[in-house]
Amino acid sequence: MNQLRIPGVNFSAVADFQLARAALRGLLTEQTEGDGKVHLGTVFSRDHFYFTPEGQNEALAGYGVLGVEMEAAALYGVAAEYGKQALAVLTVSDHLLDHSGDMSAAERETRFADSLRLAVAAAHS
């Protein structure tokens, strides 16, 4: 999406630092109900979540990419274009390399409260 935003450029739009810091501060002051694991880092956005070239996920992991999703890059690009702040707060429901711990449908309905608390903390900063 960001290649369309600025033709000829691979624009690497990123999360707003102030919002990320506020979310982390919120984490430190809130008791989390989930497993308590929070990671701050790079995610990979792609338009086709279920089509993955062979070896791509392993290569991304080798570069320290924490997850794959579909919207963050575009969200960050729009925010940058309009001079706004943006932060993607994500919850991992499925592991692309090891499916033994994937969330059930019931867990997907109930396990996102911690992410919501982080997002609210960032929004209220």
C-alpha atoms as a PDB file:
ATOM      1  CA  MET A   1       0.000   0.000   0.000  1.00  0.00           C
ATOM      2  CA  ASN A   2       2.773   2.427   0.795  1.00  0.00           C
ATOM      3  CA  GLN A   3       4.423   1.877  -2.602  1.00  0.00           C
ATOM      4  CA  LEU A   4       1.241   3.375  -4.080  1.00  0.00           C
ATOM      5  CA  ARG A   5       1.401   6.282  -1.642  1.00  0.00           C
ATOM      6  CA  ILE A   6       4.816   7.471  -2.885  1.00  0.00           C
ATOM      7  CA  PRO A   7       5.516   5.927  -6.315  1.00  0.00           C
ATOM      8  CA  GLY A   8       8.986   4.464  -6.698  1.00  0.00           C
ATOM      9  CA  VAL A   9       9.633   4.417  -2.938  1.00  0.00           C
ATOM     10  CA  ASN A  10       9.381   1.606  -0.384  1.00  0.00           C
ATOM     11  CA  PHE A  11       8.090   3.907   2.365  1.00  0.00           C
ATOM     12  CA  SER A  12       8.612   2.195   5.735  1.00  0.00           C
ATOM     13  CA  ALA A  13       5.917   3.814   7.819  1.00  0.00           C
ATOM     14  CA  VAL A  14       6.113   2.929  11.514  1.00  0.00           C
ATOM     15  CA  ALA A  15       4.147   3.277  14.725  1.00  0.00           C
ATOM     16  CA  ASP A  16       4.182   6.582  16.557  1.00  0.00           C
ATOM     17  CA  PHE A  17       6.797   6.442  19.312  1.00  0.00           C
ATOM     18  CA  GLN A  18       4.741   8.503  21.781  1.00  0.00           C
ATOM     19  CA  LEU A  19       1.765   6.149  21.453  1.00  0.00           C
ATOM     20  CA  ALA A  20       3.970   3.073  21.806  1.00  0.00           C
ATOM     21  CA  ARG A  21       5.570   4.533  24.923  1.00  0.00           C
ATOM     22  CA  ALA A  22       2.155   5.369  26.380  1.00  0.00           C
ATOM     23  CA  ALA A  23       0.933   1.820  25.738  1.00  0.00           C
ATOM     24  CA  LEU A  24       3.993   0.419  27.493  1.00  0.00           C
ATOM     25  CA  ARG A  25       3.463   2.765  30.431  1.00  0.00           C
ATOM     26  CA  GLY A  26      -0.127   1.550  30.581  1.00  0.00           C
ATOM     27  CA  LEU A  27       1.134  -2.017  30.655  1.00  0.00           C
ATOM     28  CA  LEU A  28       3.371  -1.270  33.603  1.00  0.00           C
ATOM     29  CA  THR A  29       0.473   0.201  35.606  1.00  0.00           C
ATOM     30  CA  GLU A  30      -2.174  -2.409  34.670  1.00  0.00           C
ATOM     31  CA  GLN A  31      -2.411  -6.021  35.771  1.00  0.00           C
ATOM     32  CA  THR A  32      -2.820  -8.175  32.667  1.00  0.00           C
ATOM     33  CA  GLU A  33      -5.163 -11.162  32.702  1.00  0.00           C
ATOM     34  CA  GLY A  34      -3.555 -13.092  29.823  1.00  0.00           C
ATOM     35  CA  ASP A  35      -0.187 -14.777  29.816  1.00  0.00           C
ATOM     36  CA  GLY A  36       1.457 -11.403  30.456  1.00  0.00           C
ATOM     37  CA  LYS A  37       3.673 -11.565  27.396  1.00  0.00           C
ATOM     38  CA  VAL A  38       3.951  -8.281  25.554  1.00  0.00           C
ATOM     39  CA  HIS A  39       6.354  -7.729  22.690  1.00  0.00           C
ATOM     40  CA  LEU A  40       7.253  -4.460  21.020  1.00  0.00           C
ATOM     41  CA  GLY A  41       8.699  -4.774  17.555  1.00  0.00           C
ATOM     42  CA  THR A  42       8.341  -5.139  13.836  1.00  0.00           C
ATOM     43  CA  VAL A  43       5.433  -6.807  12.083  1.00  0.00           C
ATOM     44  CA  PHE A  44       5.064  -7.575   8.396  1.00  0.00           C
ATOM     45  CA  SER A  45       1.956  -6.404   6.539  1.00  0.00           C
ATOM     46  CA  ARG A  46       0.866  -8.246   3.438  1.00  0.00           C
ATOM     47  CA  ASP A  47      -2.266  -8.137   1.330  1.00  0.00           C
ATOM     48  CA  HIS A  48      -2.699 -11.904   1.127  1.00  0.00           C
ATOM     49  CA  PHE A  49      -2.635 -13.444   4.569  1.00  0.00           C
ATOM     50  CA  TYR A  50      -3.170 -17.053   3.520  1.00  0.00           C
ATOM     51  CA  PHE A  51      -0.871 -17.136   0.475  1.00  0.00           C
ATOM     52  CA  THR A  52       2.709 -17.333   1.663  1.00  0.00           C
ATOM     53  CA  PRO A  53       5.697 -18.035  -0.567  1.00  0.00           C
ATOM     54  CA  GLU A  54       7.666 -21.021   0.727  1.00  0.00           C
ATOM     55  CA  GLY A  55      10.199 -20.055   3.381  1.00  0.00           C
ATOM     56  CA  GLN A  56       8.977 -16.460   3.723  1.00  0.00           C
ATOM     57  CA  ASN A  57       7.765 -16.746   7.327  1.00  0.00           C
ATOM     58  CA  GLU A  58      11.022 -18.374   8.394  1.00  0.00           C
ATOM     59  CA  ALA A  59      13.019 -15.643   6.632  1.00  0.00           C
ATOM     60  CA  LEU A  60      10.960 -12.918   8.314  1.00  0.00           C
ATOM     61  CA  ALA A  61      11.515 -14.570  11.714  1.00  0.00           C
ATOM     62  CA  GLY A  62      15.249 -14.577  10.968  1.00  0.00           C
ATOM     63  CA  TYR A  63      15.079 -10.793  10.633  1.00  0.00           C
ATOM     64  CA  GLY A  64      13.317 -10.416  13.980  1.00  0.00           C
ATOM     65  CA  VAL A  65       9.811  -9.849  12.588  1.00  0.00           C
ATOM     66  CA  LEU A  66       7.333 -10.702  15.352  1.00  0.00           C
ATOM     67  CA  GLY A  67       4.206 -11.308  13.303  1.00  0.00           C
ATOM     68  CA  VAL A  68       2.310 -11.088  10.047  1.00  0.00           C
ATOM     69  CA  GLU A  69      -0.887  -9.094   9.631  1.00  0.00           C
ATOM     70  CA  MET A  70      -2.719  -7.113   6.959  1.00  0.00           C
ATOM     71  CA  GLU A  71      -3.329  -3.500   8.009  1.00  0.00           C
ATOM     72  CA  ALA A  72      -0.565  -1.871  10.078  1.00  0.00           C
ATOM     73  CA  ALA A  73       1.613  -0.641   7.191  1.00  0.00           C
ATOM     74  CA  ALA A  74      -1.325   1.039   5.480  1.00  0.00           C
ATOM     75  CA  LEU A  75      -2.536   2.510   8.795  1.00  0.00           C
ATOM     76  CA  TYR A  76       0.915   3.960   9.476  1.00  0.00           C
ATOM     77  CA  GLY A  77       1.189   5.294   5.923  1.00  0.00           C
ATOM     78  CA  VAL A  78      -2.145   7.117   6.135  1.00  0.00           C
ATOM     79  CA  ALA A  79      -1.208   8.562   9.532  1.00  0.00           C
ATOM     80  CA  ALA A  80       2.135   9.800   8.187  1.00  0.00           C
ATOM     81  CA  GLU A  81       0.477  11.356   5.146  1.00  0.00           C
ATOM     82  CA  TYR A  82      -1.965  13.309   7.291  1.00  0.00           C
ATOM     83  CA  GLY A  83       0.424  14.143  10.146  1.00  0.00           C
ATOM     84  CA  LYS A  84      -1.418  11.938  12.654  1.00  0.00           C
ATOM     85  CA  GLN A  85      -0.332   9.369  15.199  1.00  0.00           C
ATOM     86  CA  ALA A  86      -0.992   5.639  14.801  1.00  0.00           C
ATOM     87  CA  LEU A  87      -0.242   2.499  16.753  1.00  0.00           C
ATOM     88  CA  ALA A  88      -1.217  -1.085  15.987  1.00  0.00           C
ATOM     89  CA  VAL A  89      -1.886  -3.133  19.114  1.00  0.00           C
ATOM     90  CA  LEU A  90      -2.097  -6.757  18.048  1.00  0.00           C
ATOM     91  CA  THR A  91      -3.017 -10.010  19.735  1.00  0.00           C
ATOM     92  CA  VAL A  92      -1.530 -13.250  18.431  1.00  0.00           C
ATOM     93  CA  SER A  93      -4.207 -15.834  17.768  1.00  0.00           C
ATOM     94  CA  ASP A  94      -2.288 -18.248  15.534  1.00  0.00           C
ATOM     95  CA  HIS A  95       1.383 -19.124  15.222  1.00  0.00           C
ATOM     96  CA  LEU A  96       2.436 -19.405  11.592  1.00  0.00           C
ATOM     97  CA  LEU A  97       5.224 -21.904  12.280  1.00  0.00           C
ATOM     98  CA  ASP A  98       3.777 -23.953  15.206  1.00  0.00           C
ATOM     99  CA  HIS A  99       0.005 -24.370  15.404  1.00  0.00           C
ATOM    100  CA  SER A 100       0.018 -26.267  18.718  1.00  0.00           C
ATOM    101  CA  GLY A 101      -0.918 -23.148  20.713  1.00  0.00           C
ATOM    102  CA  ASP A 102      -3.398 -21.532  18.314  1.00  0.00           C
ATOM    103  CA  MET A 103      -6.455 -19.957  19.948  1.00  0.00           C
ATOM    104  CA  SER A 104      -9.830 -21.606  19.691  1.00  0.00           C
ATOM    105  CA  ALA A 105     -12.841 -19.658  18.424  1.00  0.00           C
ATOM    106  CA  ALA A 106     -14.001 -19.215  22.045  1.00  0.00           C
ATOM    107  CA  GLU A 107     -10.599 -17.871  23.086  1.00  0.00           C
ATOM    108  CA  ARG A 108     -10.641 -15.391  20.203  1.00  0.00           C
ATOM    109  CA  GLU A 109     -13.901 -14.012  21.600  1.00  0.00           C
ATOM    110  CA  THR A 110     -12.546 -13.477  25.115  1.00  0.00           C
ATOM    111  CA  ARG A 111      -8.749 -13.051  25.102  1.00  0.00           C
ATOM    112  CA  PHE A 112      -8.349  -9.582  23.588  1.00  0.00           C
ATOM    113  CA  ALA A 113      -8.989  -7.505  26.729  1.00  0.00           C
ATOM    114  CA  ASP A 114      -5.277  -6.924  27.401  1.00  0.00           C
ATOM    115  CA  SER A 115      -4.741  -5.493  23.922  1.00  0.00           C
ATOM    116  CA  LEU A 116      -7.743  -3.248  24.364  1.00  0.00           C
ATOM    117  CA  ARG A 117      -6.353  -1.942  27.676  1.00  0.00           C
ATOM    118  CA  LEU A 118      -3.023  -1.121  25.994  1.00  0.00           C
ATOM    119  CA  ALA A 119      -4.775   0.684  23.162  1.00  0.00           C
ATOM    120  CA  VAL A 120      -6.897   2.704  25.593  1.00  0.00           C
ATOM    121  CA  ALA A 121      -3.803   3.639  27.618  1.00  0.00           C
ATOM    122  CA  ALA A 122      -2.114   4.886  24.475  1.00  0.00           C
ATOM    123  CA  ALA A 123      -5.204   6.810  23.339  1.00  0.00           C
ATOM    124  CA  HIS A 124      -5.505   8.557  26.702  1.00  0.00           C
ATOM    125  CA  SER A 125      -1.881   9.693  26.737  1.00  0.00           C
END
